[in-house]
């Protein structure tokens, strides 16, 4: 159970990072245009 929880946490963190990068990238593109 602990191992699964860690995996889920890692996936959630990865998703959060990807979304944050996406929002930043979108912001930069919008500001450029």
C-alpha atoms as a PDB file:
ATOM      1  CA  UNK A   1       0.000   0.000   0.000  1.00  0.00           C
ATOM      2  CA  UNK A   2       2.806   2.402   0.915  1.00  0.00           C
ATOM      3  CA  UNK A   3       4.555   1.741  -2.380  1.00  0.00           C
ATOM      4  CA  UNK A   4       1.366   2.429  -4.319  1.00  0.00           C
ATOM      5  CA  UNK A   5       0.774   5.661  -2.375  1.00  0.00           C
ATOM      6  CA  UNK A   6       4.298   6.818  -3.218  1.00  0.00           C
ATOM      7  CA  UNK A   7       3.762   6.019  -6.905  1.00  0.00           C
ATOM      8  CA  UNK A   8       0.480   7.947  -6.945  1.00  0.00           C
ATOM      9  CA  UNK A   9       2.129  10.876  -5.169  1.00  0.00           C
ATOM     10  CA  UNK A  10       4.952  10.902  -7.713  1.00  0.00           C
ATOM     11  CA  UNK A  11       2.480  10.791 -10.616  1.00  0.00           C
ATOM     12  CA  UNK A  12       0.444  13.628  -9.103  1.00  0.00           C
ATOM     13  CA  UNK A  13       3.601  15.690  -8.582  1.00  0.00           C
ATOM     14  CA  UNK A  14       4.695  15.011 -12.175  1.00  0.00           C
ATOM     15  CA  UNK A  15       1.271  16.050 -13.477  1.00  0.00           C
ATOM     16  CA  UNK A  16       1.346  19.226 -11.380  1.00  0.00           C
ATOM     17  CA  UNK A  17       4.797  20.103 -12.720  1.00  0.00           C
ATOM     18  CA  UNK A  18       3.741  19.479 -16.310  1.00  0.00           C
ATOM     19  CA  UNK A  19       0.620  21.611 -15.882  1.00  0.00           C
ATOM     20  CA  UNK A  20       2.651  24.419 -14.282  1.00  0.00           C
ATOM     21  CA  UNK A  21       5.142  24.346 -17.169  1.00  0.00           C
ATOM     22  CA  UNK A  22       2.266  24.330 -19.657  1.00  0.00           C
ATOM     23  CA  UNK A  23       0.637  27.373 -18.033  1.00  0.00           C
ATOM     24  CA  UNK A  24       3.976  29.215 -18.002  1.00  0.00           C
ATOM     25  CA  UNK A  25       4.609  28.308 -21.669  1.00  0.00           C
ATOM     26  CA  UNK A  26       1.112  29.464 -22.635  1.00  0.00           C
ATOM     27  CA  UNK A  27       1.638  32.718 -20.751  1.00  0.00           C
ATOM     28  CA  UNK A  28       4.945  33.370 -22.515  1.00  0.00           C
ATOM     29  CA  UNK A  29       3.432  32.636 -25.938  1.00  0.00           C
ATOM     30  CA  UNK A  30       0.446  34.881 -25.254  1.00  0.00           C
ATOM     31  CA  UNK A  31       2.653  37.711 -24.006  1.00  0.00           C
ATOM     32  CA  UNK A  32       4.874  37.387 -27.097  1.00  0.00           C
ATOM     33  CA  UNK A  33       1.870  37.574 -29.436  1.00  0.00           C
END
